[in-house]
Every structure is written in structure tokens, then in C-alpha cells.
Amino acid sequence: MKSTGIVRKTDHLGRIVLPKELRRSLEIDTKDPLEIFVDGEKIILSKYKPIKQCMVTGKISDDNAVLCDGKVILSEEGMKILMEELDDVDSVK
């Protein structure tokens, strides 16, 4: 872990301000969600990236397709399985 040399105090509500230069270099925009981790006595902030887990196969990948405003996440393999099942249902009718 690299020190930035930046020290900030918390305000009366426990908030801190991330310096503009740091936000710019880490590409953190206004209202971007940050995930909070604790490692011993350290607090680690990380730009939040939702886990894209396929609803059919359970595989996690950034390549998985996000459909229906994030309600459905499918891998390529998951899409194939789903299409096969839909074809089976279609052929029964």
C-alpha cells in the first residue's frame, strides 16, 4: 500500500473529504459508490463494482450480460442453457 501523505480529520458526523486530486486520479466522480473494507485497524475504500454473477451458471465475470435494468445477469453459457430450455418449452406446445 502506497502512502499519499494526505491527512484529513473527520467532522462531527464522522465524514471525511477525499481531495479533488485523489478523486480525479482514481476516476471517482460525484455520487460514485465506494465500498468499505476493514483490515485489522485499517479502513480501505474502493470504487464499488457490482458482482456480475450469472443467474443460471453462477459464474462471475465482467463479460456477463446485464439485462432488464440489472435484474437479469447472464453469461454466454447461461444464455445458451436458457435458450435451450425455451426451445424445449416451445416444442412441447
PDB file of N, CA and C in Angstrom:
ATOM      1  N   MET A   1       0.854  -1.169   0.000  1.00  0.00           N
ATOM      2  CA  MET A   1       0.000   0.000   0.000  1.00  0.00           C
ATOM      3  C   MET A   1       0.900   1.233   0.000  1.00  0.00           C
ATOM      4  N   LYS A   2       0.545   2.213  -0.841  1.00  0.00           N
ATOM      5  CA  LYS A   2       1.354   3.420  -1.003  1.00  0.00           C
ATOM      6  C   LYS A   2       0.713   4.581  -0.243  1.00  0.00           C
ATOM      7  N   SER A   3       1.498   5.314   0.531  1.00  0.00           N
ATOM      8  CA  SER A   3       1.011   6.473   1.266  1.00  0.00           C
ATOM      9  C   SER A   3       0.916   7.679   0.332  1.00  0.00           C
ATOM     10  N   THR A   4      -0.185   8.433   0.473  1.00  0.00           N
ATOM     11  CA  THR A   4      -0.335   9.654  -0.318  1.00  0.00           C
ATOM     12  C   THR A   4       0.216  10.862   0.428  1.00  0.00           C
ATOM     13  N   GLY A   5       0.415  10.720   1.728  1.00  0.00           N
ATOM     14  CA  GLY A   5       0.872  11.844   2.539  1.00  0.00           C
ATOM     15  C   GLY A   5      -0.255  12.795   2.911  1.00  0.00           C
ATOM     16  N   ILE A   6      -1.488  12.456   2.522  1.00  0.00           N
ATOM     17  CA  ILE A   6      -2.647  13.299   2.803  1.00  0.00           C
ATOM     18  C   ILE A   6      -3.249  12.879   4.143  1.00  0.00           C
ATOM     19  N   VAL A   7      -3.512  13.839   5.003  1.00  0.00           N
ATOM     20  CA  VAL A   7      -4.143  13.581   6.300  1.00  0.00           C
ATOM     21  C   VAL A   7      -5.404  14.426   6.381  1.00  0.00           C
ATOM     22  N   ARG A   8      -6.508  13.815   6.754  1.00  0.00           N
ATOM     23  CA  ARG A   8      -7.775  14.530   6.901  1.00  0.00           C
ATOM     24  C   ARG A   8      -8.385  14.184   8.254  1.00  0.00           C
ATOM     25  N   LYS A   9      -9.080  15.141   8.858  1.00  0.00           N
ATOM     26  CA  LYS A   9      -9.812  14.896  10.098  1.00  0.00           C
ATOM     27  C   LYS A   9     -11.267  14.603   9.760  1.00  0.00           C
ATOM     28  N   THR A  10     -11.916  13.839  10.622  1.00  0.00           N
ATOM     29  CA  THR A  10     -13.351  13.609  10.451  1.00  0.00           C
ATOM     30  C   THR A  10     -14.101  14.806  11.032  1.00  0.00           C
ATOM     31  N   ASP A  11     -15.282  15.089  10.470  1.00  0.00           N
ATOM     32  CA  ASP A  11     -16.100  16.161  11.032  1.00  0.00           C
ATOM     33  C   ASP A  11     -16.967  15.587  12.153  1.00  0.00           C
ATOM     34  N   HIS A  12     -17.871  16.396  12.700  1.00  0.00           N
ATOM     35  CA  HIS A  12     -18.689  15.961  13.838  1.00  0.00           C
ATOM     36  C   HIS A  12     -19.634  14.807  13.483  1.00  0.00           C
ATOM     37  N   LEU A  13     -19.850  14.522  12.206  1.00  0.00           N
ATOM     38  CA  LEU A  13     -20.680  13.393  11.779  1.00  0.00           C
ATOM     39  C   LEU A  13     -19.835  12.199  11.329  1.00  0.00           C
ATOM     40  N   GLY A  14     -18.509  12.293  11.458  1.00  0.00           N
ATOM     41  CA  GLY A  14     -17.624  11.199  11.081  1.00  0.00           C
ATOM     42  C   GLY A  14     -17.259  11.175   9.608  1.00  0.00           C
ATOM     43  N   ARG A  15     -17.559  12.252   8.888  1.00  0.00           N
ATOM     44  CA  ARG A  15     -17.275  12.300   7.444  1.00  0.00           C
ATOM     45  C   ARG A  15     -15.869  12.799   7.189  1.00  0.00           C
ATOM     46  N   ILE A  16     -15.328  12.362   6.041  1.00  0.00           N
ATOM     47  CA  ILE A  16     -14.055  12.900   5.553  1.00  0.00           C
ATOM     48  C   ILE A  16     -14.266  13.341   4.110  1.00  0.00           C
ATOM     49  N   VAL A  17     -13.407  14.226   3.653  1.00  0.00           N
ATOM     50  CA  VAL A  17     -13.462  14.676   2.267  1.00  0.00           C
ATOM     51  C   VAL A  17     -12.253  14.093   1.545  1.00  0.00           C
ATOM     52  N   LEU A  18     -12.513  13.415   0.422  1.00  0.00           N
ATOM     53  CA  LEU A  18     -11.415  12.922  -0.412  1.00  0.00           C
ATOM     54  C   LEU A  18     -10.960  14.072  -1.297  1.00  0.00           C
ATOM     55  N   PRO A  19      -9.669  14.406  -1.274  1.00  0.00           N
ATOM     56  CA  PRO A  19      -9.181  15.534  -2.068  1.00  0.00           C
ATOM     57  C   PRO A  19      -9.472  15.360  -3.561  1.00  0.00           C
ATOM     58  N   LYS A  20      -9.738  16.496  -4.205  1.00  0.00           N
ATOM     59  CA  LYS A  20     -10.084  16.501  -5.625  1.00  0.00           C
ATOM     60  C   LYS A  20      -9.027  15.803  -6.479  1.00  0.00           C
ATOM     61  N   GLU A  21      -7.764  16.041  -6.176  1.00  0.00           N
ATOM     62  CA  GLU A  21      -6.680  15.427  -6.953  1.00  0.00           C
ATOM     63  C   GLU A  21      -6.737  13.902  -6.863  1.00  0.00           C
ATOM     64  N   LEU A  22      -7.037  13.389  -5.671  1.00  0.00           N
ATOM     65  CA  LEU A  22      -7.130  11.948  -5.460  1.00  0.00           C
ATOM     66  C   LEU A  22      -8.343  11.371  -6.189  1.00  0.00           C
ATOM     67  N   ARG A  23      -9.485  12.068  -6.083  1.00  0.00           N
ATOM     68  CA  ARG A  23     -10.692  11.611  -6.800  1.00  0.00           C
ATOM     69  C   ARG A  23     -10.451  11.605  -8.299  1.00  0.00           C
ATOM     70  N   ARG A  24      -9.774  12.626  -8.800  1.00  0.00           N
ATOM     71  CA  ARG A  24      -9.503  12.717 -10.233  1.00  0.00           C
ATOM     72  C   ARG A  24      -8.585  11.585 -10.683  1.00  0.00           C
ATOM     73  N   SER A  25      -7.508  11.336  -9.935  1.00  0.00           N
ATOM     74  CA  SER A  25      -6.548  10.305 -10.337  1.00  0.00           C
ATOM     75  C   SER A  25      -7.140   8.894 -10.251  1.00  0.00           C
ATOM     76  N   LEU A  26      -8.107   8.682  -9.352  1.00  0.00           N
ATOM     77  CA  LEU A  26      -8.750   7.369  -9.209  1.00  0.00           C
ATOM     78  C   LEU A  26     -10.076   7.280  -9.967  1.00  0.00           C
ATOM     79  N   GLU A  27     -10.393   8.342 -10.713  1.00  0.00           N
ATOM     80  CA  GLU A  27     -11.624   8.404 -11.511  1.00  0.00           C
ATOM     81  C   GLU A  27     -12.875   8.155 -10.667  1.00  0.00           C
ATOM     82  N   ILE A  28     -12.935   8.833  -9.516  1.00  0.00           N
ATOM     83  CA  ILE A  28     -14.105   8.774  -8.642  1.00  0.00           C
ATOM     84  C   ILE A  28     -14.906  10.035  -8.890  1.00  0.00           C
ATOM     85  N   ASP A  29     -16.105   9.863  -9.430  1.00  0.00           N
ATOM     86  CA  ASP A  29     -16.968  11.002  -9.737  1.00  0.00           C
ATOM     87  C   ASP A  29     -17.955  11.242  -8.602  1.00  0.00           C
ATOM     88  N   THR A  30     -18.613  12.400  -8.644  1.00  0.00           N
ATOM     89  CA  THR A  30     -19.637  12.732  -7.665  1.00  0.00           C
ATOM     90  C   THR A  30     -20.695  11.633  -7.637  1.00  0.00           C
ATOM     91  N   LYS A  31     -21.045  11.201  -6.468  1.00  0.00           N
ATOM     92  CA  LYS A  31     -22.072  10.179  -6.206  1.00  0.00           C
ATOM     93  C   LYS A  31     -21.666   8.768  -6.630  1.00  0.00           C
ATOM     94  N   ASP A  32     -20.397   8.545  -6.990  1.00  0.00           N
ATOM     95  CA  ASP A  32     -19.931   7.181  -7.247  1.00  0.00           C
ATOM     96  C   ASP A  32     -19.966   6.402  -5.933  1.00  0.00           C
ATOM     97  N   PRO A  33     -20.470   5.173  -5.947  1.00  0.00           N
ATOM     98  CA  PRO A  33     -20.482   4.386  -4.710  1.00  0.00           C
ATOM     99  C   PRO A  33     -19.074   3.883  -4.381  1.00  0.00           C
ATOM    100  N   LEU A  34     -18.741   3.907  -3.098  1.00  0.00           N
ATOM    101  CA  LEU A  34     -17.468   3.385  -2.617  1.00  0.00           C
ATOM    102  C   LEU A  34     -17.762   2.241  -1.660  1.00  0.00           C
ATOM    103  N   GLU A  35     -16.998   1.166  -1.777  1.00  0.00           N
ATOM    104  CA  GLU A  35     -17.158   0.029  -0.881  1.00  0.00           C
ATOM    105  C   GLU A  35     -16.138   0.181   0.247  1.00  0.00           C
ATOM    106  N   ILE A  36     -16.542  -0.169   1.464  1.00  0.00           N
ATOM    107  CA  ILE A  36     -15.689  -0.001   2.635  1.00  0.00           C
ATOM    108  C   ILE A  36     -15.262  -1.373   3.145  1.00  0.00           C
ATOM    109  N   PHE A  37     -13.939  -1.547   3.305  1.00  0.00           N
ATOM    110  CA  PHE A  37     -13.372  -2.780   3.832  1.00  0.00           C
ATOM    111  C   PHE A  37     -12.614  -2.450   5.113  1.00  0.00           C
ATOM    112  N   VAL A  38     -12.504  -3.428   6.005  1.00  0.00           N
ATOM    113  CA  VAL A  38     -11.716  -3.279   7.214  1.00  0.00           C
ATOM    114  C   VAL A  38     -10.677  -4.389   7.225  1.00  0.00           C
ATOM    115  N   ASP A  39      -9.414  -4.007   7.428  1.00  0.00           N
ATOM    116  CA  ASP A  39      -8.310  -4.966   7.511  1.00  0.00           C
ATOM    117  C   ASP A  39      -7.544  -4.646   8.790  1.00  0.00           C
ATOM    118  N   GLY A  40      -7.864  -5.366   9.853  1.00  0.00           N
ATOM    119  CA  GLY A  40      -7.263  -5.046  11.155  1.00  0.00           C
ATOM    120  C   GLY A  40      -7.745  -3.675  11.588  1.00  0.00           C
ATOM    121  N   GLU A  41      -6.805  -2.750  11.723  1.00  0.00           N
ATOM    122  CA  GLU A  41      -7.157  -1.381  12.114  1.00  0.00           C
ATOM    123  C   GLU A  41      -7.207  -0.432  10.922  1.00  0.00           C
ATOM    124  N   LYS A  42      -7.137  -0.977   9.708  1.00  0.00           N
ATOM    125  CA  LYS A  42      -7.149  -0.151   8.508  1.00  0.00           C
ATOM    126  C   LYS A  42      -8.546  -0.109   7.901  1.00  0.00           C
ATOM    127  N   ILE A  43      -8.924   1.051   7.402  1.00  0.00           N
ATOM    128  CA  ILE A  43     -10.163   1.221   6.637  1.00  0.00           C
ATOM    129  C   ILE A  43      -9.745   1.417   5.193  1.00  0.00           C
ATOM    130  N   ILE A  44     -10.292   0.591   4.309  1.00  0.00           N
ATOM    131  CA  ILE A  44      -9.927   0.654   2.897  1.00  0.00           C
ATOM    132  C   ILE A  44     -11.159   1.014   2.085  1.00  0.00           C
ATOM    133  N   LEU A  45     -11.051   2.065   1.287  1.00  0.00           N
ATOM    134  CA  LEU A  45     -12.132   2.468   0.394  1.00  0.00           C
ATOM    135  C   LEU A  45     -11.798   2.019  -1.012  1.00  0.00           C
ATOM    136  N   SER A  46     -12.793   1.477  -1.701  1.00  0.00           N
ATOM    137  CA  SER A  46     -12.590   1.019  -3.070  1.00  0.00           C
ATOM    138  C   SER A  46     -13.797   1.416  -3.899  1.00  0.00           C
ATOM    139  N   LYS A  47     -13.552   1.836  -5.131  1.00  0.00           N
ATOM    140  CA  LYS A  47     -14.660   2.147  -6.024  1.00  0.00           C
ATOM    141  C   LYS A  47     -15.496   0.886  -6.181  1.00  0.00           C
ATOM    142  N   TYR A  48     -16.781   0.988  -5.919  1.00  0.00           N
ATOM    143  CA  TYR A  48     -17.662  -0.182  -5.910  1.00  0.00           C
ATOM    144  C   TYR A  48     -17.954  -0.672  -7.321  1.00  0.00           C
ATOM    145  N   LYS A  49     -17.782  -1.960  -7.508  1.00  0.00           N
ATOM    146  CA  LYS A  49     -18.142  -2.609  -8.765  1.00  0.00           C
ATOM    147  C   LYS A  49     -19.074  -3.756  -8.413  1.00  0.00           C
ATOM    148  N   PRO A  50     -20.313  -3.697  -8.872  1.00  0.00           N
ATOM    149  CA  PRO A  50     -21.237  -4.783  -8.530  1.00  0.00           C
ATOM    150  C   PRO A  50     -20.758  -6.109  -9.105  1.00  0.00           C
ATOM    151  N   ILE A  51     -21.011  -7.173  -8.381  1.00  0.00           N
ATOM    152  CA  ILE A  51     -20.630  -8.505  -8.846  1.00  0.00           C
ATOM    153  C   ILE A  51     -21.606  -8.922  -9.935  1.00  0.00           C
ATOM    154  N   LYS A  52     -21.063  -9.266 -11.074  1.00  0.00           N
ATOM    155  CA  LYS A  52     -21.892  -9.675 -12.209  1.00  0.00           C
ATOM    156  C   LYS A  52     -21.915 -11.202 -12.265  1.00  0.00           C
ATOM    157  N   GLN A  53     -22.807 -11.796 -11.452  1.00  0.00           N
ATOM    158  CA  GLN A  53     -22.905 -13.242 -11.356  1.00  0.00           C
ATOM    159  C   GLN A  53     -24.072 -13.736 -12.196  1.00  0.00           C
ATOM    160  N   CYS A  54     -23.796 -14.708 -13.061  1.00  0.00           N
ATOM    161  CA  CYS A  54     -24.825 -15.287 -13.926  1.00  0.00           C
ATOM    162  C   CYS A  54     -25.884 -15.974 -13.070  1.00  0.00           C
ATOM    163  N   MET A  55     -27.144 -15.703 -13.366  1.00  0.00           N
ATOM    164  CA  MET A  55     -28.252 -16.274 -12.608  1.00  0.00           C
ATOM    165  C   MET A  55     -28.458 -17.755 -12.918  1.00  0.00           C
ATOM    166  N   VAL A  56     -27.912 -18.233 -14.021  1.00  0.00           N
ATOM    167  CA  VAL A  56     -28.098 -19.631 -14.416  1.00  0.00           C
ATOM    168  C   VAL A  56     -26.898 -20.475 -13.993  1.00  0.00           C
ATOM    169  N   THR A  57     -25.692 -20.027 -14.327  1.00  0.00           N
ATOM    170  CA  THR A  57     -24.486 -20.823 -14.071  1.00  0.00           C
ATOM    171  C   THR A  57     -23.775 -20.443 -12.782  1.00  0.00           C
ATOM    172  N   GLY A  58     -24.015 -19.229 -12.287  1.00  0.00           N
ATOM    173  CA  GLY A  58     -23.327 -18.753 -11.094  1.00  0.00           C
ATOM    174  C   GLY A  58     -21.945 -18.187 -11.371  1.00  0.00           C
ATOM    175  N   LYS A  59     -21.528 -18.179 -12.634  1.00  0.00           N
ATOM    176  CA  LYS A  59     -20.195 -17.674 -12.989  1.00  0.00           C
ATOM    177  C   LYS A  59     -20.150 -16.154 -12.856  1.00  0.00           C
ATOM    178  N   ILE A  60     -19.041 -15.666 -12.302  1.00  0.00           N
ATOM    179  CA  ILE A  60     -18.842 -14.232 -12.115  1.00  0.00           C
ATOM    180  C   ILE A  60     -17.852 -13.739 -13.164  1.00  0.00           C
ATOM    181  N   SER A  61     -18.274 -12.731 -13.950  1.00  0.00           N
ATOM    182  CA  SER A  61     -17.395 -12.168 -14.976  1.00  0.00           C
ATOM    183  C   SER A  61     -17.893 -10.790 -15.371  1.00  0.00           C
ATOM    184  N   ASP A  62     -16.953  -9.911 -15.690  1.00  0.00           N
ATOM    185  CA  ASP A  62     -17.321  -8.591 -16.204  1.00  0.00           C
ATOM    186  C   ASP A  62     -17.933  -8.703 -17.595  1.00  0.00           C
ATOM    187  N   ASP A  63     -17.739  -9.851 -18.256  1.00  0.00           N
ATOM    188  CA  ASP A  63     -18.271 -10.068 -19.604  1.00  0.00           C
ATOM    189  C   ASP A  63     -19.745 -10.496 -19.599  1.00  0.00           C
ATOM    190  N   ASN A  64     -20.290 -10.827 -18.419  1.00  0.00           N
ATOM    191  CA  ASN A  64     -21.686 -11.251 -18.353  1.00  0.00           C
ATOM    192  C   ASN A  64     -22.612 -10.118 -18.784  1.00  0.00           C
ATOM    193  N   ALA A  65     -23.695 -10.492 -19.463  1.00  0.00           N
ATOM    194  CA  ALA A  65     -24.669  -9.506 -19.960  1.00  0.00           C
ATOM    195  C   ALA A  65     -25.610  -9.091 -18.833  1.00  0.00           C
ATOM    196  N   VAL A  66     -25.852  -7.793 -18.745  1.00  0.00           N
ATOM    197  CA  VAL A  66     -26.783  -7.245 -17.760  1.00  0.00           C
ATOM    198  C   VAL A  66     -28.032  -6.811 -18.513  1.00  0.00           C
ATOM    199  N   LEU A  67     -29.164  -7.421 -18.170  1.00  0.00           N
ATOM    200  CA  LEU A  67     -30.423  -7.170 -18.878  1.00  0.00           C
ATOM    201  C   LEU A  67     -31.490  -6.683 -17.914  1.00  0.00           C
ATOM    202  N   CYS A  68     -32.543  -6.115 -18.449  1.00  0.00           N
ATOM    203  CA  CYS A  68     -33.715  -5.679 -17.659  1.00  0.00           C
ATOM    204  C   CYS A  68     -33.313  -4.771 -16.498  1.00  0.00           C
ATOM    205  N   ASP A  69     -32.549  -3.738 -16.796  1.00  0.00           N
ATOM    206  CA  ASP A  69     -32.107  -2.767 -15.784  1.00  0.00           C
ATOM    207  C   ASP A  69     -31.393  -3.423 -14.608  1.00  0.00           C
ATOM    208  N   GLY A  70     -30.568  -4.435 -14.898  1.00  0.00           N
ATOM    209  CA  GLY A  70     -29.774  -5.085 -13.860  1.00  0.00           C
ATOM    210  C   GLY A  70     -30.471  -6.211 -13.127  1.00  0.00           C
ATOM    211  N   LYS A  71     -31.715  -6.501 -13.493  1.00  0.00           N
ATOM    212  CA  LYS A  71     -32.462  -7.559 -12.800  1.00  0.00           C
ATOM    213  C   LYS A  71     -32.062  -8.945 -13.284  1.00  0.00           C
ATOM    214  N   VAL A  72     -31.516  -9.046 -14.498  1.00  0.00           N
ATOM    215  CA  VAL A  72     -31.116 -10.328 -15.078  1.00  0.00           C
ATOM    216  C   VAL A  72     -29.660 -10.223 -15.529  1.00  0.00           C
ATOM    217  N   ILE A  73     -28.827 -11.146 -15.040  1.00  0.00           N
ATOM    218  CA  ILE A  73     -27.417 -11.190 -15.437  1.00  0.00           C
ATOM    219  C   ILE A  73     -27.139 -12.594 -15.950  1.00  0.00           C
ATOM    220  N   LEU A  74     -26.631 -12.674 -17.184  1.00  0.00           N
ATOM    221  CA  LEU A  74     -26.394 -13.971 -17.813  1.00  0.00           C
ATOM    222  C   LEU A  74     -25.010 -14.021 -18.455  1.00  0.00           C
ATOM    223  N   SER A  75     -24.350 -15.170 -18.281  1.00  0.00           N
ATOM    224  CA  SER A  75     -23.114 -15.437 -19.005  1.00  0.00           C
ATOM    225  C   SER A  75     -23.495 -15.979 -20.370  1.00  0.00           C
ATOM    226  N   GLU A  76     -22.510 -16.097 -21.246  1.00  0.00           N
ATOM    227  CA  GLU A  76     -22.781 -16.656 -22.570  1.00  0.00           C
ATOM    228  C   GLU A  76     -23.325 -18.084 -22.435  1.00  0.00           C
ATOM    229  N   GLU A  77     -22.712 -18.859 -21.544  1.00  0.00           N
ATOM    230  CA  GLU A  77     -23.170 -20.232 -21.311  1.00  0.00           C
ATOM    231  C   GLU A  77     -24.583 -20.244 -20.723  1.00  0.00           C
ATOM    232  N   GLY A  78     -24.850 -19.330 -19.817  1.00  0.00           N
ATOM    233  CA  GLY A  78     -26.182 -19.229 -19.213  1.00  0.00           C
ATOM    234  C   GLY A  78     -27.249 -18.899 -20.247  1.00  0.00           C
ATOM    235  N   MET A  79     -26.893 -18.022 -21.206  1.00  0.00           N
ATOM    236  CA  MET A  79     -27.837 -17.680 -22.280  1.00  0.00           C
ATOM    237  C   MET A  79     -28.153 -18.896 -23.140  1.00  0.00           C
ATOM    238  N   LYS A  80     -27.121 -19.695 -23.448  1.00  0.00           N
ATOM    239  CA  LYS A  80     -27.327 -20.900 -24.252  1.00  0.00           C
ATOM    240  C   LYS A  80     -28.246 -21.883 -23.532  1.00  0.00           C
ATOM    241  N   ILE A  81     -28.014 -22.088 -22.236  1.00  0.00           N
ATOM    242  CA  ILE A  81     -28.849 -23.000 -21.445  1.00  0.00           C
ATOM    243  C   ILE A  81     -30.287 -22.505 -21.431  1.00  0.00           C
ATOM    244  N   LEU A  82     -30.464 -21.220 -21.204  1.00  0.00           N
ATOM    245  CA  LEU A  82     -31.800 -20.637 -21.165  1.00  0.00           C
ATOM    246  C   LEU A  82     -32.507 -20.775 -22.509  1.00  0.00           C
ATOM    247  N   MET A  83     -31.773 -20.522 -23.596  1.00  0.00           N
ATOM    248  CA  MET A  83     -32.364 -20.656 -24.940  1.00  0.00           C
ATOM    249  C   MET A  83     -32.781 -22.096 -25.214  1.00  0.00           C
ATOM    250  N   GLU A  84     -31.956 -23.069 -24.800  1.00  0.00           N
ATOM    251  CA  GLU A  84     -32.299 -24.484 -24.988  1.00  0.00           C
ATOM    252  C   GLU A  84     -33.570 -24.835 -24.226  1.00  0.00           C
ATOM    253  N   GLU A  85     -33.679 -24.340 -22.994  1.00  0.00           N
ATOM    254  CA  GLU A  85     -34.873 -24.620 -22.196  1.00  0.00           C
ATOM    255  C   GLU A  85     -36.112 -23.973 -22.816  1.00  0.00           C
ATOM    256  N   LEU A  86     -35.949 -22.764 -23.351  1.00  0.00           N
ATOM    257  CA  LEU A  86     -37.078 -22.103 -24.002  1.00  0.00           C
ATOM    258  C   LEU A  86     -37.486 -22.858 -25.272  1.00  0.00           C
ATOM    259  N   ASP A  87     -36.508 -23.381 -26.005  1.00  0.00           N
ATOM    260  CA  ASP A  87     -36.808 -24.178 -27.198  1.00  0.00           C
ATOM    261  C   ASP A  87     -37.561 -25.449 -26.806  1.00  0.00           C
ATOM    262  N   ASP A  88     -37.151 -26.074 -25.689  1.00  0.00           N
ATOM    263  CA  ASP A  88     -37.827 -27.278 -25.218  1.00  0.00           C
ATOM    264  C   ASP A  88     -39.282 -26.974 -24.859  1.00  0.00           C
ATOM    265  N   VAL A  89     -39.522 -25.870 -24.196  1.00  0.00           N
ATOM    266  CA  VAL A  89     -40.884 -25.487 -23.821  1.00  0.00           C
ATOM    267  C   VAL A  89     -41.711 -25.208 -25.071  1.00  0.00           C
ATOM    268  N   ASP A  90     -41.083 -24.552 -26.049  1.00  0.00           N
ATOM    269  CA  ASP A  90     -41.760 -24.243 -27.317  1.00  0.00           C
ATOM    270  C   ASP A  90     -42.154 -25.518 -28.059  1.00  0.00           C
ATOM    271  N   SER A  91     -41.280 -26.523 -28.041  1.00  0.00           N
ATOM    272  CA  SER A  91     -41.549 -27.759 -28.796  1.00  0.00           C
ATOM    273  C   SER A  91     -42.633 -28.602 -28.114  1.00  0.00           C
ATOM    274  N   VAL A  92     -42.860 -28.443 -26.824  1.00  0.00           N
ATOM    275  CA  VAL A  92     -43.891 -29.182 -26.112  1.00  0.00           C
ATOM    276  C   VAL A  92     -45.277 -28.667 -26.493  1.00  0.00           C
ATOM    277  N   LYS A  93     -45.383 -27.400 -26.798  1.00  0.00           N
ATOM    278  CA  LYS A  93     -46.684 -26.792 -27.125  1.00  0.00           C
ATOM    279  C   LYS A  93     -47.155 -27.263 -28.413  1.00  0.00           C
TER     280      LYS A  93
END
